[in-house]
């Protein structure tokens, strides 16, 4: 056969039969869990990037909510201090405000899990409301960075739980191929099992290097992004809540306690200023010193909590605050014009 037609047909049959074997044994030769875990452990920054992409709005809410919750709780602290003249109310109030602010923010992100309708208002956790958006970001990240064809093949051919299965599958396929090609006269499994296993192991060790041209086709054929997005969008609220919440749960207490510590520190500084333990040069506020000091403590606690973050976070917060201020102004103007138009018509 000078054109190699017989060899081509034999190779095509071998690959077709091998593909069928792979499809039938996909559960034993592919361990998706180990693939993802090993990938994340090998590059720990991936988990952080996934967390930032999937929970970007929730992270911004944790920063921005300090202003709202801190102000509301600070007003309560203000009235308590006016009726209970004790300098320690500043420090203790700062501690309570810091703890409560982060606790309320976390609750607001993930609770209630299922939509709760109260009249015309529907309450649900901020993260759960973004299920479709998060599903798209999550699936795109996994399809392009984790569950790619290259990573899947590398995992299958190196994972201790799947590599032996690949070696068995290839050895069995070699034996069947040789038996068919020799019309049953050669049975490698019985006649030369050691050489058969050695050849299978050697092929597994070198197979990955010959799959370079296959990855693009596999990525398109698997459609991991589309499949994963559809499955995530079809999740119930309870199931979807477990996508991101476990990452927060590991550090929830740390986040809440750090907020309380910063609140106590800011309140303690205000306490020292109000009692005269720390004096600022030429700094007098007259009879309204207590009120101004308390208001300053509310603002100071939030400023300190933001200032210790990276510079980028501070600039981002300022830009978002300016943007929302202009947005509120535009909405107020439109509402005023609409009200005026309605009054003129009536």
C-alpha atoms as a PDB file:
ATOM      1  CA  UNK A   1       0.000   0.000   0.000  1.00  0.00           C
ATOM      2  CA  UNK A   2       2.244   2.875  -1.239  1.00  0.00           C
ATOM      3  CA  UNK A   3      -0.380   5.547  -0.417  1.00  0.00           C
ATOM      4  CA  UNK A   4      -0.864   4.346   3.144  1.00  0.00           C
ATOM      5  CA  UNK A   5      -4.607   3.892   2.674  1.00  0.00           C
ATOM      6  CA  UNK A   6      -4.734   0.779   4.858  1.00  0.00           C
ATOM      7  CA  UNK A   7      -2.813   2.483   7.653  1.00  0.00           C
ATOM      8  CA  UNK A   8      -5.145   5.484   7.494  1.00  0.00           C
ATOM      9  CA  UNK A   9      -8.222   3.299   7.708  1.00  0.00           C
ATOM     10  CA  UNK A  10      -6.744   1.326  10.596  1.00  0.00           C
ATOM     11  CA  UNK A  11      -5.805   4.530  12.441  1.00  0.00           C
ATOM     12  CA  UNK A  12      -9.280   5.988  11.840  1.00  0.00           C
ATOM     13  CA  UNK A  13     -10.940   2.864  13.219  1.00  0.00           C
ATOM     14  CA  UNK A  14      -8.640   2.851  16.244  1.00  0.00           C
ATOM     15  CA  UNK A  15      -9.399   6.499  17.050  1.00  0.00           C
ATOM     16  CA  UNK A  16     -13.140   6.027  16.501  1.00  0.00           C
ATOM     17  CA  UNK A  17     -13.260   3.039  18.839  1.00  0.00           C
ATOM     18  CA  UNK A  18     -11.063   4.864  21.368  1.00  0.00           C
ATOM     19  CA  UNK A  19     -13.435   7.843  21.310  1.00  0.00           C
ATOM     20  CA  UNK A  20     -16.385   5.544  22.008  1.00  0.00           C
ATOM     21  CA  UNK A  21     -14.464   3.986  24.919  1.00  0.00           C
ATOM     22  CA  UNK A  22     -13.764   7.460  26.321  1.00  0.00           C
ATOM     23  CA  UNK A  23     -17.446   8.401  26.115  1.00  0.00           C
ATOM     24  CA  UNK A  24     -18.503   5.218  27.887  1.00  0.00           C
ATOM     25  CA  UNK A  25     -15.943   5.617  30.692  1.00  0.00           C
ATOM     26  CA  UNK A  26     -15.979   9.406  31.101  1.00  0.00           C
ATOM     27  CA  UNK A  27     -16.953   9.119  34.772  1.00  0.00           C
ATOM     28  CA  UNK A  28     -13.782   7.196  35.668  1.00  0.00           C
ATOM     29  CA  UNK A  29     -11.259   8.916  33.388  1.00  0.00           C
ATOM     30  CA  UNK A  30     -12.277  12.522  34.171  1.00  0.00           C
ATOM     31  CA  UNK A  31     -12.487  13.969  37.685  1.00  0.00           C
ATOM     32  CA  UNK A  32     -13.826  17.526  37.371  1.00  0.00           C
ATOM     33  CA  UNK A  33     -13.663  18.152  41.099  1.00  0.00           C
ATOM     34  CA  UNK A  34      -9.950  17.352  41.279  1.00  0.00           C
ATOM     35  CA  UNK A  35      -9.324  19.370  38.131  1.00  0.00           C
ATOM     36  CA  UNK A  36     -10.882  22.503  39.638  1.00  0.00           C
ATOM     37  CA  UNK A  37      -9.342  22.014  43.104  1.00  0.00           C
ATOM     38  CA  UNK A  38      -5.851  21.363  41.733  1.00  0.00           C
ATOM     39  CA  UNK A  39      -6.126  24.351  39.426  1.00  0.00           C
ATOM     40  CA  UNK A  40      -7.179  26.638  42.272  1.00  0.00           C
ATOM     41  CA  UNK A  41      -4.494  25.285  44.607  1.00  0.00           C
ATOM     42  CA  UNK A  42      -1.833  25.660  41.917  1.00  0.00           C
ATOM     43  CA  UNK A  43      -2.746  29.312  41.337  1.00  0.00           C
ATOM     44  CA  UNK A  44      -4.393  30.679  44.453  1.00  0.00           C
ATOM     45  CA  UNK A  45      -4.938  34.062  42.814  1.00  0.00           C
ATOM     46  CA  UNK A  46      -7.636  32.465  40.649  1.00  0.00           C
ATOM     47  CA  UNK A  47     -10.005  32.121  43.594  1.00  0.00           C
ATOM     48  CA  UNK A  48      -9.472  35.763  44.503  1.00  0.00           C
ATOM     49  CA  UNK A  49     -10.134  36.847  40.913  1.00  0.00           C
ATOM     50  CA  UNK A  50     -13.271  34.705  40.770  1.00  0.00           C
ATOM     51  CA  UNK A  51     -14.453  36.234  44.045  1.00  0.00           C
ATOM     52  CA  UNK A  52     -13.819  39.777  42.769  1.00  0.00           C
ATOM     53  CA  UNK A  53     -15.611  39.127  39.465  1.00  0.00           C
ATOM     54  CA  UNK A  54     -18.643  37.318  40.893  1.00  0.00           C
ATOM     55  CA  UNK A  55     -19.017  39.500  43.981  1.00  0.00           C
ATOM     56  CA  UNK A  56     -17.850  42.873  42.656  1.00  0.00           C
ATOM     57  CA  UNK A  57     -21.142  44.632  43.443  1.00  0.00           C
ATOM     58  CA  UNK A  58     -21.340  43.033  46.882  1.00  0.00           C
ATOM     59  CA  UNK A  59     -17.794  44.166  47.747  1.00  0.00           C
ATOM     60  CA  UNK A  60     -18.637  47.728  46.698  1.00  0.00           C
ATOM     61  CA  UNK A  61     -21.822  47.554  48.752  1.00  0.00           C
ATOM     62  CA  UNK A  62     -19.804  46.579  51.839  1.00  0.00           C
ATOM     63  CA  UNK A  63     -17.788  49.759  51.397  1.00  0.00           C
ATOM     64  CA  UNK A  64     -20.655  52.084  50.511  1.00  0.00           C
ATOM     65  CA  UNK A  65     -23.077  50.720  53.105  1.00  0.00           C
ATOM     66  CA  UNK A  66     -20.822  51.958  55.889  1.00  0.00           C
ATOM     67  CA  UNK A  67     -21.933  55.503  55.141  1.00  0.00           C
ATOM     68  CA  UNK A  68     -25.659  54.728  55.340  1.00  0.00           C
ATOM     69  CA  UNK A  69     -25.644  52.310  58.260  1.00  0.00           C
ATOM     70  CA  UNK A  70     -22.980  54.292  60.110  1.00  0.00           C
ATOM     71  CA  UNK A  71     -25.015  57.488  59.793  1.00  0.00           C
ATOM     72  CA  UNK A  72     -28.271  55.891  60.978  1.00  0.00           C
ATOM     73  CA  UNK A  73     -26.640  54.156  63.939  1.00  0.00           C
ATOM     74  CA  UNK A  74     -24.601  57.271  64.672  1.00  0.00           C
ATOM     75  CA  UNK A  75     -27.802  59.307  65.014  1.00  0.00           C
ATOM     76  CA  UNK A  76     -28.978  56.829  67.637  1.00  0.00           C
ATOM     77  CA  UNK A  77     -25.627  57.143  69.384  1.00  0.00           C
ATOM     78  CA  UNK A  78     -25.993  60.930  69.252  1.00  0.00           C
ATOM     79  CA  UNK A  79     -29.293  60.907  71.155  1.00  0.00           C
ATOM     80  CA  UNK A  80     -27.954  58.408  73.701  1.00  0.00           C
ATOM     81  CA  UNK A  81     -24.965  60.642  74.390  1.00  0.00           C
ATOM     82  CA  UNK A  82     -27.150  63.721  74.781  1.00  0.00           C
ATOM     83  CA  UNK A  83     -29.169  62.060  77.574  1.00  0.00           C
ATOM     84  CA  UNK A  84     -26.347  60.049  79.108  1.00  0.00           C
ATOM     85  CA  UNK A  85     -23.343  62.256  79.741  1.00  0.00           C
ATOM     86  CA  UNK A  86     -20.572  59.687  79.863  1.00  0.00           C
ATOM     87  CA  UNK A  87     -17.438  59.995  77.680  1.00  0.00           C
ATOM     88  CA  UNK A  88     -17.309  56.227  77.224  1.00  0.00           C
ATOM     89  CA  UNK A  89     -20.477  56.354  75.159  1.00  0.00           C
ATOM     90  CA  UNK A  90     -18.302  57.474  72.255  1.00  0.00           C
ATOM     91  CA  UNK A  91     -16.005  54.448  72.405  1.00  0.00           C
ATOM     92  CA  UNK A  92     -18.742  51.935  73.198  1.00  0.00           C
ATOM     93  CA  UNK A  93     -21.019  53.506  70.603  1.00  0.00           C
ATOM     94  CA  UNK A  94     -18.239  53.315  68.026  1.00  0.00           C
ATOM     95  CA  UNK A  95     -17.778  49.623  68.822  1.00  0.00           C
ATOM     96  CA  UNK A  96     -21.507  48.902  68.470  1.00  0.00           C
ATOM     97  CA  UNK A  97     -21.780  50.934  65.260  1.00  0.00           C
ATOM     98  CA  UNK A  98     -18.756  49.179  63.729  1.00  0.00           C
ATOM     99  CA  UNK A  99     -20.056  45.719  64.587  1.00  0.00           C
ATOM    100  CA  UNK A 100     -23.624  46.415  63.524  1.00  0.00           C
ATOM    101  CA  UNK A 101     -22.670  48.101  60.239  1.00  0.00           C
ATOM    102  CA  UNK A 102     -20.768  45.121  58.823  1.00  0.00           C
ATOM    103  CA  UNK A 103     -23.256  42.619  60.243  1.00  0.00           C
ATOM    104  CA  UNK A 104     -26.201  44.417  58.638  1.00  0.00           C
ATOM    105  CA  UNK A 105     -24.348  44.717  55.326  1.00  0.00           C
ATOM    106  CA  UNK A 106     -23.638  40.979  55.200  1.00  0.00           C
ATOM    107  CA  UNK A 107     -27.241  40.172  56.082  1.00  0.00           C
ATOM    108  CA  UNK A 108     -28.483  42.500  53.375  1.00  0.00           C
ATOM    109  CA  UNK A 109     -26.319  40.810  50.739  1.00  0.00           C
ATOM    110  CA  UNK A 110     -27.537  37.224  51.280  1.00  0.00           C
ATOM    111  CA  UNK A 111     -30.885  37.501  53.079  1.00  0.00           C
ATOM    112  CA  UNK A 112     -33.675  36.852  52.563  1.00  0.00           C
ATOM    113  CA  UNK A 113     -32.731  33.939  50.332  1.00  0.00           C
ATOM    114  CA  UNK A 114     -36.160  33.576  48.740  1.00  0.00           C
ATOM    115  CA  UNK A 115     -38.103  36.665  47.590  1.00  0.00           C
ATOM    116  CA  UNK A 116     -40.234  38.078  50.397  1.00  0.00           C
ATOM    117  CA  UNK A 117     -43.130  40.241  49.212  1.00  0.00           C
ATOM    118  CA  UNK A 118     -44.438  42.915  51.570  1.00  0.00           C
ATOM    119  CA  UNK A 119     -47.150  44.798  49.745  1.00  0.00           C
ATOM    120  CA  UNK A 120     -45.615  46.308  46.587  1.00  0.00           C
ATOM    121  CA  UNK A 121     -42.068  45.776  47.917  1.00  0.00           C
ATOM    122  CA  UNK A 122     -40.113  42.563  47.193  1.00  0.00           C
ATOM    123  CA  UNK A 123     -37.184  41.879  49.509  1.00  0.00           C
ATOM    124  CA  UNK A 124     -34.311  39.578  48.550  1.00  0.00           C
ATOM    125  CA  UNK A 125     -30.566  39.454  49.094  1.00  0.00           C
ATOM    126  CA  UNK A 126     -28.590  41.734  46.777  1.00  0.00           C
ATOM    127  CA  UNK A 127     -26.452  38.855  45.491  1.00  0.00           C
ATOM    128  CA  UNK A 128     -29.480  36.686  44.766  1.00  0.00           C
ATOM    129  CA  UNK A 129     -31.103  39.431  42.718  1.00  0.00           C
ATOM    130  CA  UNK A 130     -28.111  39.321  40.359  1.00  0.00           C
ATOM    131  CA  UNK A 131     -28.384  35.601  39.607  1.00  0.00           C
ATOM    132  CA  UNK A 132     -28.424  36.020  35.819  1.00  0.00           C
ATOM    133  CA  UNK A 133     -25.522  38.480  35.816  1.00  0.00           C
ATOM    134  CA  UNK A 134     -23.405  36.421  38.204  1.00  0.00           C
ATOM    135  CA  UNK A 135     -24.134  33.243  36.232  1.00  0.00           C
ATOM    136  CA  UNK A 136     -22.738  34.863  33.095  1.00  0.00           C
ATOM    137  CA  UNK A 137     -19.579  36.144  34.846  1.00  0.00           C
ATOM    138  CA  UNK A 138     -19.033  32.875  36.705  1.00  0.00           C
ATOM    139  CA  UNK A 139     -19.428  30.655  33.629  1.00  0.00           C
ATOM    140  CA  UNK A 140     -17.203  32.881  31.484  1.00  0.00           C
ATOM    141  CA  UNK A 141     -14.447  32.763  34.105  1.00  0.00           C
ATOM    142  CA  UNK A 142     -14.543  28.967  34.413  1.00  0.00           C
ATOM    143  CA  UNK A 143     -14.770  28.358  30.665  1.00  0.00           C
ATOM    144  CA  UNK A 144     -11.800  30.604  29.858  1.00  0.00           C
ATOM    145  CA  UNK A 145      -9.523  30.059  32.881  1.00  0.00           C
ATOM    146  CA  UNK A 146     -10.302  26.790  34.622  1.00  0.00           C
ATOM    147  CA  UNK A 147     -12.246  24.209  32.603  1.00  0.00           C
ATOM    148  CA  UNK A 148     -10.402  24.692  29.315  1.00  0.00           C
ATOM    149  CA  UNK A 149      -9.519  21.766  27.057  1.00  0.00           C
ATOM    150  CA  UNK A 150      -5.849  22.137  27.948  1.00  0.00           C
ATOM    151  CA  UNK A 151      -6.538  22.005  31.690  1.00  0.00           C
ATOM    152  CA  UNK A 152      -8.982  19.117  31.392  1.00  0.00           C
ATOM    153  CA  UNK A 153      -6.586  16.942  29.385  1.00  0.00           C
ATOM    154  CA  UNK A 154      -3.686  17.823  31.659  1.00  0.00           C
ATOM    155  CA  UNK A 155      -5.725  16.865  34.703  1.00  0.00           C
ATOM    156  CA  UNK A 156      -6.962  13.600  33.199  1.00  0.00           C
ATOM    157  CA  UNK A 157      -3.451  12.492  32.193  1.00  0.00           C
ATOM    158  CA  UNK A 158      -1.734  13.470  35.474  1.00  0.00           C
ATOM    159  CA  UNK A 159      -4.376  13.040  38.202  1.00  0.00           C
ATOM    160  CA  UNK A 160      -3.568   9.902  40.285  1.00  0.00           C
ATOM    161  CA  UNK A 161      -7.277   9.019  40.348  1.00  0.00           C
ATOM    162  CA  UNK A 162      -7.733   9.089  36.560  1.00  0.00           C
ATOM    163  CA  UNK A 163      -4.308   8.236  35.082  1.00  0.00           C
ATOM    164  CA  UNK A 164      -4.540   4.478  35.956  1.00  0.00           C
ATOM    165  CA  UNK A 165      -7.958   4.362  34.292  1.00  0.00           C
ATOM    166  CA  UNK A 166      -6.528   5.920  31.135  1.00  0.00           C
ATOM    167  CA  UNK A 167      -3.697   3.381  31.100  1.00  0.00           C
ATOM    168  CA  UNK A 168      -6.183   0.501  31.462  1.00  0.00           C
ATOM    169  CA  UNK A 169      -8.438   1.904  28.758  1.00  0.00           C
ATOM    170  CA  UNK A 170      -5.586   2.353  26.270  1.00  0.00           C
ATOM    171  CA  UNK A 171      -4.111  -1.072  27.056  1.00  0.00           C
ATOM    172  CA  UNK A 172      -7.479  -2.714  26.442  1.00  0.00           C
ATOM    173  CA  UNK A 173      -7.972  -0.805  23.183  1.00  0.00           C
ATOM    174  CA  UNK A 174      -4.440  -1.777  21.994  1.00  0.00           C
ATOM    175  CA  UNK A 175      -5.173  -5.411  22.765  1.00  0.00           C
ATOM    176  CA  UNK A 176      -8.486  -5.385  20.881  1.00  0.00           C
ATOM    177  CA  UNK A 177      -6.904  -3.569  17.929  1.00  0.00           C
ATOM    178  CA  UNK A 178      -4.042  -6.070  17.693  1.00  0.00           C
ATOM    179  CA  UNK A 179      -6.453  -8.996  17.981  1.00  0.00           C
ATOM    180  CA  UNK A 180      -8.680  -7.655  15.189  1.00  0.00           C
ATOM    181  CA  UNK A 181      -5.720  -6.804  12.959  1.00  0.00           C
ATOM    182  CA  UNK A 182      -4.277 -10.339  13.273  1.00  0.00           C
ATOM    183  CA  UNK A 183      -7.645 -12.090  13.006  1.00  0.00           C
ATOM    184  CA  UNK A 184      -7.445 -13.262  16.613  1.00  0.00           C
ATOM    185  CA  UNK A 185      -3.947 -14.751  16.433  1.00  0.00           C
ATOM    186  CA  UNK A 186      -2.370 -12.164  18.804  1.00  0.00           C
ATOM    187  CA  UNK A 187      -3.770 -11.531  22.277  1.00  0.00           C
ATOM    188  CA  UNK A 188      -1.509  -8.974  23.991  1.00  0.00           C
ATOM    189  CA  UNK A 189      -3.372  -9.147  27.315  1.00  0.00           C
ATOM    190  CA  UNK A 190      -2.517 -12.828  27.666  1.00  0.00           C
ATOM    191  CA  UNK A 191       0.753 -13.110  25.760  1.00  0.00           C
ATOM    192  CA  UNK A 192       2.604  -9.903  26.648  1.00  0.00           C
ATOM    193  CA  UNK A 193       0.766  -8.060  29.429  1.00  0.00           C
ATOM    194  CA  UNK A 194       3.888  -6.306  30.818  1.00  0.00           C
ATOM    195  CA  UNK A 195       4.867  -4.826  27.464  1.00  0.00           C
ATOM    196  CA  UNK A 196       1.257  -3.832  26.828  1.00  0.00           C
ATOM    197  CA  UNK A 197       1.037  -1.976  30.127  1.00  0.00           C
ATOM    198  CA  UNK A 198       4.433  -0.340  29.575  1.00  0.00           C
ATOM    199  CA  UNK A 199       3.372   0.876  26.125  1.00  0.00           C
ATOM    200  CA  UNK A 200       0.097   2.229  27.519  1.00  0.00           C
ATOM    201  CA  UNK A 201       1.892   4.101  30.324  1.00  0.00           C
ATOM    202  CA  UNK A 202       4.385   5.563  27.857  1.00  0.00           C
ATOM    203  CA  UNK A 203       1.582   6.744  25.581  1.00  0.00           C
ATOM    204  CA  UNK A 204      -0.203   8.447  28.487  1.00  0.00           C
ATOM    205  CA  UNK A 205       3.021  10.241  29.408  1.00  0.00           C
ATOM    206  CA  UNK A 206       3.434  11.651  25.884  1.00  0.00           C
ATOM    207  CA  UNK A 207      -0.161  11.991  24.724  1.00  0.00           C
ATOM    208  CA  UNK A 208      -0.695  15.541  26.024  1.00  0.00           C
ATOM    209  CA  UNK A 209       2.089  16.924  23.801  1.00  0.00           C
ATOM    210  CA  UNK A 210       0.256  15.714  20.677  1.00  0.00           C
ATOM    211  CA  UNK A 211      -3.105  17.317  21.502  1.00  0.00           C
ATOM    212  CA  UNK A 212      -2.182  20.936  20.725  1.00  0.00           C
ATOM    213  CA  UNK A 213      -4.370  21.197  17.627  1.00  0.00           C
ATOM    214  CA  UNK A 214      -7.308  19.547  19.398  1.00  0.00           C
ATOM    215  CA  UNK A 215      -7.904  22.105  22.168  1.00  0.00           C
ATOM    216  CA  UNK A 216      -9.735  24.732  20.122  1.00  0.00           C
ATOM    217  CA  UNK A 217     -12.172  22.135  18.773  1.00  0.00           C
ATOM    218  CA  UNK A 218     -12.774  20.635  22.234  1.00  0.00           C
ATOM    219  CA  UNK A 219     -13.472  24.060  23.751  1.00  0.00           C
ATOM    220  CA  UNK A 220     -16.076  24.775  21.074  1.00  0.00           C
ATOM    221  CA  UNK A 221     -17.643  21.321  21.214  1.00  0.00           C
ATOM    222  CA  UNK A 222     -17.987  21.165  24.998  1.00  0.00           C
ATOM    223  CA  UNK A 223     -19.737  24.578  25.224  1.00  0.00           C
ATOM    224  CA  UNK A 224     -18.844  24.793  28.897  1.00  0.00           C
ATOM    225  CA  UNK A 225     -19.700  28.481  29.205  1.00  0.00           C
ATOM    226  CA  UNK A 226     -23.191  28.113  27.734  1.00  0.00           C
ATOM    227  CA  UNK A 227     -23.921  24.922  29.667  1.00  0.00           C
ATOM    228  CA  UNK A 228     -22.673  26.253  32.999  1.00  0.00           C
ATOM    229  CA  UNK A 229     -24.534  29.547  32.603  1.00  0.00           C
ATOM    230  CA  UNK A 230     -27.810  27.772  31.797  1.00  0.00           C
ATOM    231  CA  UNK A 231     -27.431  25.422  34.781  1.00  0.00           C
ATOM    232  CA  UNK A 232     -26.650  28.290  37.179  1.00  0.00           C
ATOM    233  CA  UNK A 233     -29.553  30.391  35.955  1.00  0.00           C
ATOM    234  CA  UNK A 234     -31.844  27.400  36.530  1.00  0.00           C
ATOM    235  CA  UNK A 235     -30.714  27.015  40.164  1.00  0.00           C
ATOM    236  CA  UNK A 236     -33.115  27.721  42.995  1.00  0.00           C
ATOM    237  CA  UNK A 237     -32.342  30.700  45.224  1.00  0.00           C
ATOM    238  CA  UNK A 238     -31.183  28.341  47.985  1.00  0.00           C
ATOM    239  CA  UNK A 239     -28.751  26.580  45.672  1.00  0.00           C
ATOM    240  CA  UNK A 240     -27.449  29.799  44.139  1.00  0.00           C
ATOM    241  CA  UNK A 241     -26.858  31.366  47.553  1.00  0.00           C
ATOM    242  CA  UNK A 242     -24.188  28.723  48.221  1.00  0.00           C
ATOM    243  CA  UNK A 243     -22.155  29.819  45.193  1.00  0.00           C
ATOM    244  CA  UNK A 244     -20.611  32.899  46.859  1.00  0.00           C
ATOM    245  CA  UNK A 245     -21.750  32.870  50.486  1.00  0.00           C
ATOM    246  CA  UNK A 246     -19.302  30.156  51.637  1.00  0.00           C
ATOM    247  CA  UNK A 247     -16.405  32.457  50.681  1.00  0.00           C
ATOM    248  CA  UNK A 248     -17.862  35.215  52.871  1.00  0.00           C
ATOM    249  CA  UNK A 249     -18.677  32.798  55.694  1.00  0.00           C
ATOM    250  CA  UNK A 250     -15.014  31.926  56.238  1.00  0.00           C
ATOM    251  CA  UNK A 251     -14.156  35.555  57.057  1.00  0.00           C
ATOM    252  CA  UNK A 252     -17.505  36.939  58.220  1.00  0.00           C
ATOM    253  CA  UNK A 253     -16.489  37.066  61.863  1.00  0.00           C
ATOM    254  CA  UNK A 254     -13.143  38.653  60.995  1.00  0.00           C
ATOM    255  CA  UNK A 255     -14.905  41.312  58.935  1.00  0.00           C
ATOM    256  CA  UNK A 256     -17.440  42.080  61.656  1.00  0.00           C
ATOM    257  CA  UNK A 257     -14.805  42.220  64.413  1.00  0.00           C
ATOM    258  CA  UNK A 258     -12.509  44.427  62.353  1.00  0.00           C
ATOM    259  CA  UNK A 259     -15.400  46.844  61.862  1.00  0.00           C
ATOM    260  CA  UNK A 260     -16.019  46.868  65.606  1.00  0.00           C
ATOM    261  CA  UNK A 261     -12.320  47.449  66.324  1.00  0.00           C
ATOM    262  CA  UNK A 262     -12.109  50.368  63.916  1.00  0.00           C
ATOM    263  CA  UNK A 263     -15.327  51.820  65.312  1.00  0.00           C
ATOM    264  CA  UNK A 264     -14.012  51.561  68.870  1.00  0.00           C
ATOM    265  CA  UNK A 265     -10.708  53.180  67.852  1.00  0.00           C
ATOM    266  CA  UNK A 266     -12.447  56.095  66.122  1.00  0.00           C
ATOM    267  CA  UNK A 267     -14.809  56.551  69.085  1.00  0.00           C
ATOM    268  CA  UNK A 268     -11.941  56.402  71.550  1.00  0.00           C
ATOM    269  CA  UNK A 269     -10.090  59.139  69.693  1.00  0.00           C
ATOM    270  CA  UNK A 270     -13.242  61.268  69.826  1.00  0.00           C
ATOM    271  CA  UNK A 271     -13.540  60.483  73.533  1.00  0.00           C
ATOM    272  CA  UNK A 272     -10.013  61.691  74.210  1.00  0.00           C
ATOM    273  CA  UNK A 273     -10.691  64.864  72.260  1.00  0.00           C
ATOM    274  CA  UNK A 274     -13.964  65.572  74.055  1.00  0.00           C
ATOM    275  CA  UNK A 275     -12.481  64.996  77.530  1.00  0.00           C
ATOM    276  CA  UNK A 276      -9.419  67.102  76.836  1.00  0.00           C
ATOM    277  CA  UNK A 277      -6.946  64.238  77.114  1.00  0.00           C
ATOM    278  CA  UNK A 278      -5.853  65.191  73.614  1.00  0.00           C
ATOM    279  CA  UNK A 279      -5.903  68.876  72.746  1.00  0.00           C
ATOM    280  CA  UNK A 280      -5.753  70.336  69.305  1.00  0.00           C
ATOM    281  CA  UNK A 281      -4.086  73.767  69.056  1.00  0.00           C
ATOM    282  CA  UNK A 282      -6.584  76.640  68.786  1.00  0.00           C
ATOM    283  CA  UNK A 283      -9.519  74.277  68.434  1.00  0.00           C
ATOM    284  CA  UNK A 284     -12.676  75.498  70.221  1.00  0.00           C
ATOM    285  CA  UNK A 285     -16.286  74.735  69.424  1.00  0.00           C
ATOM    286  CA  UNK A 286     -18.073  76.579  72.203  1.00  0.00           C
ATOM    287  CA  UNK A 287     -21.175  75.111  73.765  1.00  0.00           C
ATOM    288  CA  UNK A 288     -21.883  72.813  70.828  1.00  0.00           C
ATOM    289  CA  UNK A 289     -18.655  70.891  71.265  1.00  0.00           C
ATOM    290  CA  UNK A 290     -20.345  67.661  72.338  1.00  0.00           C
ATOM    291  CA  UNK A 291     -22.772  67.593  69.429  1.00  0.00           C
ATOM    292  CA  UNK A 292     -20.096  68.433  66.863  1.00  0.00           C
ATOM    293  CA  UNK A 293     -17.767  65.853  68.393  1.00  0.00           C
ATOM    294  CA  UNK A 294     -20.407  63.160  68.162  1.00  0.00           C
ATOM    295  CA  UNK A 295     -21.198  64.014  64.563  1.00  0.00           C
ATOM    296  CA  UNK A 296     -17.484  63.982  63.860  1.00  0.00           C
ATOM    297  CA  UNK A 297     -17.196  60.518  65.373  1.00  0.00           C
ATOM    298  CA  UNK A 298     -19.863  59.186  63.012  1.00  0.00           C
ATOM    299  CA  UNK A 299     -18.059  60.618  59.989  1.00  0.00           C
ATOM    300  CA  UNK A 300     -14.624  59.753  61.382  1.00  0.00           C
ATOM    301  CA  UNK A 301     -15.423  56.075  61.828  1.00  0.00           C
ATOM    302  CA  UNK A 302     -16.348  55.737  58.188  1.00  0.00           C
ATOM    303  CA  UNK A 303     -13.392  57.801  56.970  1.00  0.00           C
ATOM    304  CA  UNK A 304     -10.951  55.661  58.963  1.00  0.00           C
ATOM    305  CA  UNK A 305     -12.525  52.421  57.680  1.00  0.00           C
ATOM    306  CA  UNK A 306     -12.123  53.587  54.087  1.00  0.00           C
ATOM    307  CA  UNK A 307      -8.744  55.261  54.489  1.00  0.00           C
ATOM    308  CA  UNK A 308      -6.987  52.081  55.627  1.00  0.00           C
ATOM    309  CA  UNK A 309      -7.981  50.409  52.371  1.00  0.00           C
ATOM    310  CA  UNK A 310      -5.828  50.705  49.232  1.00  0.00           C
ATOM    311  CA  UNK A 311      -5.761  54.056  47.486  1.00  0.00           C
ATOM    312  CA  UNK A 312      -7.716  52.611  44.577  1.00  0.00           C
ATOM    313  CA  UNK A 313     -10.661  51.809  46.881  1.00  0.00           C
ATOM    314  CA  UNK A 314     -10.766  55.385  48.212  1.00  0.00           C
ATOM    315  CA  UNK A 315     -10.720  56.882  44.714  1.00  0.00           C
ATOM    316  CA  UNK A 316     -13.356  54.404  43.582  1.00  0.00           C
ATOM    317  CA  UNK A 317     -15.591  55.314  46.511  1.00  0.00           C
ATOM    318  CA  UNK A 318     -15.221  59.053  45.833  1.00  0.00           C
ATOM    319  CA  UNK A 319     -16.000  58.614  42.136  1.00  0.00           C
ATOM    320  CA  UNK A 320     -19.068  56.473  42.929  1.00  0.00           C
ATOM    321  CA  UNK A 321     -20.240  59.008  45.529  1.00  0.00           C
ATOM    322  CA  UNK A 322     -19.961  61.867  43.007  1.00  0.00           C
ATOM    323  CA  UNK A 323     -21.711  59.811  40.345  1.00  0.00           C
ATOM    324  CA  UNK A 324     -24.592  58.923  42.649  1.00  0.00           C
ATOM    325  CA  UNK A 325     -24.917  62.545  43.801  1.00  0.00           C
ATOM    326  CA  UNK A 326     -25.350  63.755  40.228  1.00  0.00           C
ATOM    327  CA  UNK A 327     -27.725  60.866  39.518  1.00  0.00           C
ATOM    328  CA  UNK A 328     -29.868  61.833  42.524  1.00  0.00           C
ATOM    329  CA  UNK A 329     -29.855  65.443  41.362  1.00  0.00           C
ATOM    330  CA  UNK A 330     -31.038  64.487  37.872  1.00  0.00           C
ATOM    331  CA  UNK A 331     -33.783  62.255  39.259  1.00  0.00           C
ATOM    332  CA  UNK A 332     -34.949  65.009  41.626  1.00  0.00           C
ATOM    333  CA  UNK A 333     -35.048  67.496  38.767  1.00  0.00           C
ATOM    334  CA  UNK A 334     -37.070  65.127  36.578  1.00  0.00           C
ATOM    335  CA  UNK A 335     -39.471  64.449  39.442  1.00  0.00           C
ATOM    336  CA  UNK A 336     -39.893  68.198  40.044  1.00  0.00           C
ATOM    337  CA  UNK A 337     -40.600  68.856  36.365  1.00  0.00           C
ATOM    338  CA  UNK A 338     -43.098  65.984  36.192  1.00  0.00           C
ATOM    339  CA  UNK A 339     -44.912  67.198  39.324  1.00  0.00           C
ATOM    340  CA  UNK A 340     -45.051  70.737  37.992  1.00  0.00           C
ATOM    341  CA  UNK A 341     -46.419  69.510  34.646  1.00  0.00           C
ATOM    342  CA  UNK A 342     -49.122  67.473  36.396  1.00  0.00           C
ATOM    343  CA  UNK A 343     -50.174  70.454  38.516  1.00  0.00           C
ATOM    344  CA  UNK A 344     -50.408  72.697  35.447  1.00  0.00           C
ATOM    345  CA  UNK A 345     -52.615  70.171  33.670  1.00  0.00           C
ATOM    346  CA  UNK A 346     -54.968  69.851  36.604  1.00  0.00           C
END
